N, C-alpha and C. Protein backbone atom coordinates (compact mmCIF):
# COMPACT_ATOMS: atom_id res chain seq x y z
N MET A 1 -28.64 63.90 -50.06
CA MET A 1 -29.07 63.56 -48.71
C MET A 1 -30.51 64.03 -48.56
N HIS A 2 -31.34 63.24 -47.92
CA HIS A 2 -32.72 63.62 -47.67
C HIS A 2 -32.79 64.74 -46.66
N ARG A 3 -33.89 65.49 -46.72
CA ARG A 3 -34.09 66.59 -45.79
C ARG A 3 -34.02 66.12 -44.34
N SER A 4 -34.59 64.94 -44.04
CA SER A 4 -34.56 64.43 -42.67
C SER A 4 -33.13 64.09 -42.23
N GLY A 5 -32.29 63.65 -43.16
CA GLY A 5 -30.89 63.38 -42.84
C GLY A 5 -30.14 64.64 -42.47
N ARG A 6 -30.43 65.74 -43.21
CA ARG A 6 -29.80 67.01 -42.88
C ARG A 6 -30.25 67.49 -41.51
N ARG A 7 -31.55 67.32 -41.20
CA ARG A 7 -32.04 67.72 -39.89
C ARG A 7 -31.35 66.93 -38.79
N MET A 8 -31.10 65.62 -39.04
CA MET A 8 -30.44 64.78 -38.04
C MET A 8 -29.03 65.31 -37.76
N ILE A 9 -28.29 65.66 -38.81
CA ILE A 9 -26.92 66.14 -38.65
C ILE A 9 -26.91 67.50 -37.97
N VAL A 10 -27.80 68.40 -38.39
CA VAL A 10 -27.88 69.71 -37.75
C VAL A 10 -28.26 69.55 -36.28
N GLY A 11 -29.22 68.65 -36.00
CA GLY A 11 -29.62 68.40 -34.62
C GLY A 11 -28.47 67.83 -33.80
N ALA A 12 -27.70 66.94 -34.40
CA ALA A 12 -26.56 66.35 -33.69
C ALA A 12 -25.52 67.41 -33.35
N CYS A 13 -25.25 68.30 -34.30
CA CYS A 13 -24.28 69.36 -34.04
C CYS A 13 -24.81 70.31 -32.96
N ALA A 14 -26.12 70.62 -33.00
CA ALA A 14 -26.70 71.48 -31.98
C ALA A 14 -26.63 70.81 -30.61
N ALA A 15 -26.91 69.50 -30.55
CA ALA A 15 -26.84 68.77 -29.28
C ALA A 15 -25.42 68.78 -28.74
N LEU A 16 -24.43 68.62 -29.62
CA LEU A 16 -23.04 68.65 -29.19
C LEU A 16 -22.69 70.02 -28.61
N ALA A 17 -23.14 71.08 -29.28
CA ALA A 17 -22.84 72.42 -28.80
C ALA A 17 -23.49 72.66 -27.44
N LEU A 18 -24.74 72.22 -27.27
CA LEU A 18 -25.42 72.39 -25.99
C LEU A 18 -24.77 71.58 -24.89
N THR A 19 -24.38 70.34 -25.20
CA THR A 19 -23.72 69.49 -24.21
C THR A 19 -22.39 70.08 -23.80
N THR A 20 -21.65 70.58 -24.77
CA THR A 20 -20.36 71.20 -24.47
C THR A 20 -20.56 72.40 -23.56
N ALA A 21 -21.58 73.21 -23.85
CA ALA A 21 -21.86 74.38 -23.03
C ALA A 21 -22.29 73.97 -21.63
N ALA A 22 -23.12 72.94 -21.53
CA ALA A 22 -23.61 72.49 -20.23
C ALA A 22 -22.50 71.92 -19.37
N CYS A 23 -21.52 71.27 -19.98
CA CYS A 23 -20.43 70.66 -19.24
C CYS A 23 -19.32 71.65 -18.91
N SER A 24 -19.37 72.83 -19.51
CA SER A 24 -18.33 73.82 -19.29
C SER A 24 -18.40 74.33 -17.86
N SER A 25 -17.24 74.47 -17.25
CA SER A 25 -17.22 74.96 -15.87
C SER A 25 -16.91 76.44 -15.81
N GLY A 26 -17.16 77.14 -16.89
CA GLY A 26 -16.96 78.59 -16.90
C GLY A 26 -15.81 78.98 -17.78
N GLY A 27 -15.46 80.26 -17.74
CA GLY A 27 -14.28 80.73 -18.46
C GLY A 27 -14.50 80.99 -19.92
N GLY A 28 -15.61 81.60 -20.33
CA GLY A 28 -15.76 81.98 -21.72
C GLY A 28 -16.94 81.32 -22.37
N THR A 29 -17.15 81.72 -23.61
CA THR A 29 -18.28 81.21 -24.37
C THR A 29 -17.87 79.98 -25.14
N PRO A 30 -18.56 78.84 -24.96
CA PRO A 30 -18.21 77.63 -25.69
C PRO A 30 -18.43 77.81 -27.18
N GLN A 31 -17.57 77.22 -27.97
CA GLN A 31 -17.70 77.25 -29.41
C GLN A 31 -18.05 75.86 -29.90
N PRO A 32 -19.08 75.71 -30.77
CA PRO A 32 -19.44 74.38 -31.25
C PRO A 32 -18.36 73.80 -32.14
N ASP A 33 -18.27 72.49 -32.14
CA ASP A 33 -17.36 71.76 -33.00
C ASP A 33 -17.82 71.96 -34.43
N THR A 34 -16.93 72.38 -35.33
CA THR A 34 -17.32 72.63 -36.70
C THR A 34 -17.30 71.38 -37.56
N GLY A 35 -16.65 70.31 -37.12
CA GLY A 35 -16.63 69.07 -37.87
C GLY A 35 -17.43 68.02 -37.15
N ALA A 36 -18.21 67.24 -37.91
CA ALA A 36 -19.08 66.26 -37.26
C ALA A 36 -18.31 65.05 -36.79
N THR A 37 -17.17 64.72 -37.41
CA THR A 37 -16.51 63.49 -37.06
C THR A 37 -15.16 63.67 -36.38
N SER A 38 -14.64 64.87 -36.33
CA SER A 38 -13.34 65.02 -35.70
C SER A 38 -13.24 66.39 -35.08
N SER A 39 -12.25 66.52 -34.22
CA SER A 39 -12.04 67.84 -33.65
C SER A 39 -10.64 67.99 -33.14
N SER A 40 -10.20 69.19 -33.21
CA SER A 40 -9.08 69.65 -32.43
C SER A 40 -9.74 70.24 -31.20
N PRO A 41 -8.99 70.73 -30.26
CA PRO A 41 -9.63 71.34 -29.11
C PRO A 41 -10.61 72.42 -29.56
N THR A 42 -11.81 72.50 -28.90
CA THR A 42 -12.85 73.37 -29.42
C THR A 42 -13.40 74.44 -28.49
N SER A 43 -13.66 74.18 -27.25
CA SER A 43 -14.38 75.17 -26.47
C SER A 43 -13.70 75.45 -25.14
N SER A 44 -14.01 76.59 -24.60
CA SER A 44 -13.42 77.00 -23.33
C SER A 44 -14.01 76.23 -22.18
N VAL A 45 -13.19 75.76 -21.26
CA VAL A 45 -13.64 75.03 -20.08
C VAL A 45 -13.36 75.86 -18.84
N SER A 46 -12.13 76.18 -18.59
CA SER A 46 -11.76 76.94 -17.40
C SER A 46 -10.34 77.45 -17.57
N ALA A 47 -10.07 78.59 -16.98
CA ALA A 47 -8.73 79.17 -17.08
C ALA A 47 -7.70 78.30 -16.37
N ASP A 48 -8.14 77.42 -15.46
CA ASP A 48 -7.22 76.59 -14.68
C ASP A 48 -6.77 75.33 -15.41
N ARG A 49 -7.42 74.97 -16.51
CA ARG A 49 -7.13 73.72 -17.20
C ARG A 49 -6.10 73.94 -18.31
N PRO A 50 -5.20 72.96 -18.50
CA PRO A 50 -4.22 73.08 -19.59
C PRO A 50 -4.85 72.74 -20.95
N ALA A 51 -4.22 73.22 -21.99
CA ALA A 51 -4.60 72.84 -23.35
C ALA A 51 -3.95 71.50 -23.66
N SER A 52 -4.51 70.78 -24.63
CA SER A 52 -3.96 69.50 -25.04
C SER A 52 -3.45 69.58 -26.47
N THR A 53 -2.50 68.74 -26.79
CA THR A 53 -1.99 68.63 -28.14
C THR A 53 -2.79 67.63 -28.97
N ALA A 54 -3.74 66.94 -28.35
CA ALA A 54 -4.46 65.84 -28.98
C ALA A 54 -5.34 66.28 -30.14
N LYS A 55 -5.43 65.39 -31.12
CA LYS A 55 -6.35 65.51 -32.23
C LYS A 55 -7.15 64.21 -32.26
N LEU A 56 -8.47 64.33 -32.20
CA LEU A 56 -9.35 63.18 -32.04
C LEU A 56 -10.34 63.12 -33.19
N ALA A 57 -10.60 61.92 -33.70
CA ALA A 57 -11.60 61.72 -34.75
C ALA A 57 -12.30 60.39 -34.52
N ILE A 58 -13.60 60.35 -34.78
CA ILE A 58 -14.34 59.09 -34.77
C ILE A 58 -14.29 58.53 -36.17
N VAL A 59 -13.67 57.36 -36.32
CA VAL A 59 -13.51 56.70 -37.61
C VAL A 59 -14.75 55.87 -37.94
N SER A 60 -15.31 55.22 -36.92
CA SER A 60 -16.48 54.36 -37.11
C SER A 60 -17.31 54.39 -35.84
N PRO A 61 -18.61 54.51 -35.92
CA PRO A 61 -19.41 54.65 -37.14
C PRO A 61 -19.21 56.04 -37.74
N THR A 62 -19.57 56.17 -39.00
CA THR A 62 -19.44 57.46 -39.67
C THR A 62 -20.71 58.27 -39.48
N ASN A 63 -20.57 59.57 -39.64
CA ASN A 63 -21.71 60.46 -39.48
C ASN A 63 -22.78 60.14 -40.53
N GLY A 64 -24.01 59.92 -40.08
CA GLY A 64 -25.11 59.60 -40.98
C GLY A 64 -25.22 58.13 -41.34
N GLN A 65 -24.32 57.29 -40.87
CA GLN A 65 -24.34 55.87 -41.20
C GLN A 65 -25.60 55.20 -40.67
N VAL A 66 -26.13 54.26 -41.45
CA VAL A 66 -27.24 53.43 -41.01
C VAL A 66 -26.66 52.06 -40.68
N VAL A 67 -26.87 51.62 -39.43
CA VAL A 67 -26.34 50.37 -38.92
C VAL A 67 -27.48 49.37 -38.81
N THR A 68 -27.29 48.16 -39.33
CA THR A 68 -28.29 47.11 -39.18
C THR A 68 -27.87 46.21 -38.03
N GLY A 69 -28.80 45.94 -37.14
CA GLY A 69 -28.50 45.11 -35.97
C GLY A 69 -28.42 45.95 -34.72
N THR A 70 -27.99 45.35 -33.63
CA THR A 70 -27.98 46.05 -32.35
C THR A 70 -26.57 46.37 -31.84
N THR A 71 -25.54 46.13 -32.66
CA THR A 71 -24.17 46.45 -32.25
C THR A 71 -23.45 47.22 -33.35
N VAL A 72 -22.50 48.01 -32.95
CA VAL A 72 -21.63 48.71 -33.89
C VAL A 72 -20.25 48.82 -33.24
N GLN A 73 -19.23 48.67 -34.05
CA GLN A 73 -17.86 48.81 -33.57
C GLN A 73 -17.45 50.27 -33.64
N MET A 74 -17.17 50.86 -32.49
CA MET A 74 -16.66 52.22 -32.44
C MET A 74 -15.15 52.16 -32.61
N LYS A 75 -14.64 53.06 -33.45
CA LYS A 75 -13.19 53.16 -33.65
C LYS A 75 -12.85 54.64 -33.70
N VAL A 76 -11.85 55.05 -32.93
CA VAL A 76 -11.42 56.44 -32.94
C VAL A 76 -9.95 56.53 -33.29
N SER A 77 -9.57 57.68 -33.80
CA SER A 77 -8.18 57.98 -34.09
C SER A 77 -7.74 59.08 -33.13
N LEU A 78 -6.63 58.85 -32.45
CA LEU A 78 -6.07 59.83 -31.52
C LEU A 78 -4.63 60.10 -31.95
N LYS A 79 -4.34 61.36 -32.25
CA LYS A 79 -3.00 61.75 -32.68
C LYS A 79 -2.44 62.81 -31.75
N ASP A 80 -1.12 62.84 -31.67
CA ASP A 80 -0.39 63.82 -30.86
C ASP A 80 -0.70 63.73 -29.38
N ALA A 81 -1.09 62.54 -28.92
CA ALA A 81 -1.35 62.31 -27.51
C ALA A 81 -1.26 60.82 -27.23
N THR A 82 -1.13 60.48 -25.95
CA THR A 82 -1.00 59.10 -25.51
C THR A 82 -2.04 58.78 -24.47
N ILE A 83 -2.65 57.61 -24.59
CA ILE A 83 -3.58 57.15 -23.57
C ILE A 83 -2.77 56.51 -22.45
N VAL A 84 -3.05 56.95 -21.22
CA VAL A 84 -2.35 56.42 -20.05
C VAL A 84 -3.35 55.77 -19.11
N PRO A 85 -2.95 54.68 -18.45
CA PRO A 85 -3.89 53.95 -17.60
C PRO A 85 -4.11 54.56 -16.22
N ALA A 86 -3.13 55.23 -15.69
CA ALA A 86 -3.23 55.69 -14.31
C ALA A 86 -4.03 56.97 -14.19
N THR A 87 -4.76 57.09 -13.09
CA THR A 87 -5.45 58.34 -12.76
C THR A 87 -4.55 59.10 -11.82
N THR A 88 -4.29 60.36 -12.17
CA THR A 88 -3.41 61.19 -11.37
C THR A 88 -3.83 62.65 -11.49
N THR A 89 -3.42 63.47 -10.58
CA THR A 89 -3.68 64.89 -10.68
C THR A 89 -2.51 65.62 -11.33
N ASP A 90 -1.46 64.88 -11.70
CA ASP A 90 -0.32 65.45 -12.43
C ASP A 90 -0.70 65.50 -13.91
N ILE A 91 -1.28 66.60 -14.35
CA ILE A 91 -1.83 66.72 -15.70
C ILE A 91 -0.73 67.03 -16.71
N VAL A 92 -0.73 66.24 -17.79
CA VAL A 92 0.21 66.41 -18.89
C VAL A 92 -0.63 66.64 -20.15
N PRO A 93 -0.33 67.66 -20.97
CA PRO A 93 -1.18 68.00 -22.12
C PRO A 93 -1.35 66.91 -23.17
N ASP A 94 -0.40 65.97 -23.23
CA ASP A 94 -0.51 64.93 -24.25
C ASP A 94 -0.79 63.55 -23.65
N GLU A 95 -1.33 63.51 -22.43
CA GLU A 95 -1.67 62.24 -21.79
C GLU A 95 -3.07 62.32 -21.21
N GLY A 96 -3.81 61.20 -21.34
CA GLY A 96 -5.16 61.14 -20.79
C GLY A 96 -5.84 59.85 -21.21
N HIS A 97 -7.16 59.89 -21.23
CA HIS A 97 -7.94 58.72 -21.64
C HIS A 97 -9.22 59.21 -22.32
N LEU A 98 -10.06 58.27 -22.75
CA LEU A 98 -11.26 58.61 -23.51
C LEU A 98 -12.52 58.42 -22.67
N HIS A 99 -13.43 59.37 -22.78
CA HIS A 99 -14.78 59.22 -22.25
C HIS A 99 -15.70 59.01 -23.44
N VAL A 100 -16.46 57.92 -23.42
CA VAL A 100 -17.39 57.58 -24.51
C VAL A 100 -18.80 57.87 -24.02
N ILE A 101 -19.52 58.70 -24.77
CA ILE A 101 -20.85 59.16 -24.39
C ILE A 101 -21.82 58.81 -25.51
N LEU A 102 -22.83 58.03 -25.19
CA LEU A 102 -23.85 57.66 -26.17
C LEU A 102 -25.18 58.23 -25.72
N ASP A 103 -25.78 59.04 -26.58
CA ASP A 103 -27.07 59.66 -26.28
C ASP A 103 -27.05 60.37 -24.93
N ASP A 104 -26.00 61.15 -24.70
CA ASP A 104 -25.81 61.96 -23.50
C ASP A 104 -25.65 61.14 -22.22
N GLN A 105 -25.28 59.86 -22.34
CA GLN A 105 -24.99 59.01 -21.18
C GLN A 105 -23.55 58.54 -21.28
N LEU A 106 -22.77 58.77 -20.24
CA LEU A 106 -21.40 58.27 -20.20
C LEU A 106 -21.47 56.75 -20.13
N ILE A 107 -20.91 56.06 -21.15
CA ILE A 107 -20.98 54.60 -21.14
C ILE A 107 -19.64 53.95 -20.83
N SER A 108 -18.54 54.71 -20.99
CA SER A 108 -17.26 54.13 -20.59
C SER A 108 -16.18 55.20 -20.47
N MET A 109 -15.20 54.89 -19.65
CA MET A 109 -13.96 55.65 -19.53
C MET A 109 -12.89 54.63 -19.88
N THR A 110 -12.24 54.82 -21.02
CA THR A 110 -11.43 53.76 -21.57
C THR A 110 -10.05 54.22 -22.00
N GLY A 111 -9.17 53.25 -22.08
CA GLY A 111 -7.85 53.45 -22.62
C GLY A 111 -7.73 52.81 -23.99
N GLU A 112 -8.84 52.39 -24.55
CA GLU A 112 -8.86 51.72 -25.85
C GLU A 112 -9.44 52.64 -26.92
N THR A 113 -8.95 52.50 -28.15
CA THR A 113 -9.48 53.30 -29.25
C THR A 113 -10.55 52.55 -30.04
N THR A 114 -10.88 51.35 -29.61
CA THR A 114 -12.00 50.60 -30.19
C THR A 114 -12.87 50.10 -29.06
N GLN A 115 -14.17 50.00 -29.36
CA GLN A 115 -15.11 49.50 -28.37
C GLN A 115 -16.37 49.04 -29.08
N LEU A 116 -16.90 47.91 -28.66
CA LEU A 116 -18.16 47.42 -29.21
C LEU A 116 -19.31 48.09 -28.47
N LEU A 117 -20.15 48.77 -29.21
CA LEU A 117 -21.35 49.38 -28.65
C LEU A 117 -22.49 48.39 -28.88
N ALA A 118 -23.01 47.82 -27.81
CA ALA A 118 -23.99 46.73 -27.91
C ALA A 118 -25.35 47.16 -27.38
N ASN A 119 -26.35 46.33 -27.68
CA ASN A 119 -27.72 46.52 -27.21
C ASN A 119 -28.29 47.87 -27.61
N LEU A 120 -27.97 48.29 -28.84
CA LEU A 120 -28.48 49.55 -29.34
C LEU A 120 -29.94 49.38 -29.76
N THR A 121 -30.74 50.37 -29.47
CA THR A 121 -32.14 50.34 -29.87
C THR A 121 -32.30 50.98 -31.25
N PRO A 122 -33.33 50.59 -31.99
CA PRO A 122 -33.56 51.21 -33.29
C PRO A 122 -33.79 52.72 -33.14
N GLY A 123 -33.31 53.48 -34.10
CA GLY A 123 -33.50 54.92 -34.11
C GLY A 123 -32.18 55.67 -34.20
N GLN A 124 -32.26 56.98 -34.00
CA GLN A 124 -31.11 57.86 -34.10
C GLN A 124 -30.30 57.83 -32.80
N HIS A 125 -28.98 57.89 -32.95
CA HIS A 125 -28.08 57.91 -31.79
C HIS A 125 -27.01 58.96 -32.02
N LEU A 126 -26.55 59.57 -30.93
CA LEU A 126 -25.46 60.53 -30.98
C LEU A 126 -24.31 59.97 -30.14
N LEU A 127 -23.18 59.76 -30.79
CA LEU A 127 -21.98 59.24 -30.14
C LEU A 127 -20.97 60.37 -30.02
N LYS A 128 -20.47 60.59 -28.80
CA LYS A 128 -19.43 61.58 -28.55
C LYS A 128 -18.28 60.88 -27.85
N VAL A 129 -17.09 61.25 -28.21
CA VAL A 129 -15.88 60.75 -27.55
C VAL A 129 -15.04 61.97 -27.19
N GLU A 130 -14.57 62.01 -25.94
CA GLU A 130 -13.75 63.13 -25.50
C GLU A 130 -12.44 62.61 -24.92
N PHE A 131 -11.35 63.24 -25.34
CA PHE A 131 -10.04 62.97 -24.74
C PHE A 131 -9.93 63.89 -23.54
N VAL A 132 -9.82 63.28 -22.35
CA VAL A 132 -9.76 64.04 -21.10
C VAL A 132 -8.43 63.80 -20.41
N ALA A 133 -8.11 64.68 -19.50
CA ALA A 133 -6.86 64.57 -18.75
C ALA A 133 -6.91 63.39 -17.79
N SER A 134 -5.77 63.07 -17.21
CA SER A 134 -5.66 61.92 -16.30
C SER A 134 -6.53 62.04 -15.06
N ASP A 135 -6.98 63.26 -14.74
CA ASP A 135 -7.86 63.45 -13.58
C ASP A 135 -9.34 63.38 -13.96
N HIS A 136 -9.64 62.95 -15.18
CA HIS A 136 -11.00 62.79 -15.71
C HIS A 136 -11.66 64.10 -16.10
N ALA A 137 -11.03 65.22 -15.91
CA ALA A 137 -11.62 66.51 -16.28
C ALA A 137 -11.15 66.88 -17.70
N PRO A 138 -11.95 67.70 -18.39
CA PRO A 138 -11.60 68.07 -19.76
C PRO A 138 -10.42 69.02 -19.82
N PHE A 139 -9.77 69.01 -20.97
CA PHE A 139 -8.74 70.01 -21.26
C PHE A 139 -9.45 71.31 -21.62
N ASP A 140 -8.69 72.39 -21.72
CA ASP A 140 -9.24 73.67 -22.15
C ASP A 140 -8.33 74.24 -23.23
N PRO A 141 -8.84 74.24 -24.45
CA PRO A 141 -10.19 73.88 -24.89
C PRO A 141 -10.40 72.37 -24.95
N ARG A 142 -11.67 71.98 -24.96
CA ARG A 142 -12.03 70.56 -24.96
C ARG A 142 -11.61 69.88 -26.25
N VAL A 143 -11.32 68.57 -26.15
CA VAL A 143 -10.96 67.74 -27.31
C VAL A 143 -12.07 66.70 -27.43
N ILE A 144 -13.02 66.94 -28.34
CA ILE A 144 -14.21 66.12 -28.42
C ILE A 144 -14.61 65.95 -29.89
N ALA A 145 -15.12 64.77 -30.20
CA ALA A 145 -15.62 64.47 -31.55
C ALA A 145 -16.99 63.83 -31.41
N ALA A 146 -17.83 63.99 -32.44
CA ALA A 146 -19.19 63.44 -32.38
C ALA A 146 -19.66 63.02 -33.75
N VAL A 147 -20.49 61.97 -33.76
CA VAL A 147 -21.18 61.54 -34.97
C VAL A 147 -22.61 61.15 -34.60
N ALA A 148 -23.50 61.34 -35.56
CA ALA A 148 -24.87 60.86 -35.42
C ALA A 148 -25.03 59.68 -36.37
N PHE A 149 -25.67 58.62 -35.89
CA PHE A 149 -25.90 57.46 -36.74
C PHE A 149 -27.27 56.88 -36.41
N GLU A 150 -27.74 56.00 -37.30
CA GLU A 150 -29.06 55.41 -37.13
C GLU A 150 -28.94 53.90 -37.04
N VAL A 151 -29.71 53.30 -36.13
CA VAL A 151 -29.76 51.86 -35.99
C VAL A 151 -31.10 51.36 -36.54
N GLN A 152 -31.02 50.37 -37.41
CA GLN A 152 -32.21 49.69 -37.90
C GLN A 152 -32.12 48.23 -37.50
N ALA A 153 -33.19 47.71 -36.95
CA ALA A 153 -33.21 46.32 -36.47
C ALA A 153 -33.18 45.34 -37.62
């Protein structure tokens, strides 16, 4: 791997750790995700939030992948949890939905494990997906995965 590729991955992991810390509503020191493409629950959110049984991984795009064109198919793997359509305050540890975040912008709240990411600009991008509870708030610890990829026109 080229030195610039390592910097991109290190930067992506640092950005994930900072974003996780910034989104934390208290209750301890956030811990960065140790895997670039998958995660079990990782960081403290709040003492009031339940833990989740979910295991989440981004299957596509892969970390460090170079994509040609302006679209990429996102695919995630979710295990030990179920995506539910309804929004409710009755929180269940194995039920929720996905928040898709591209370059620190929430682009969708979905019940699908695949999504076409369109109109991508050339350059580096950071994709994060988080499994959140039915009330749209994160579990504690958070269930989040991230990959960095590059788009070439």
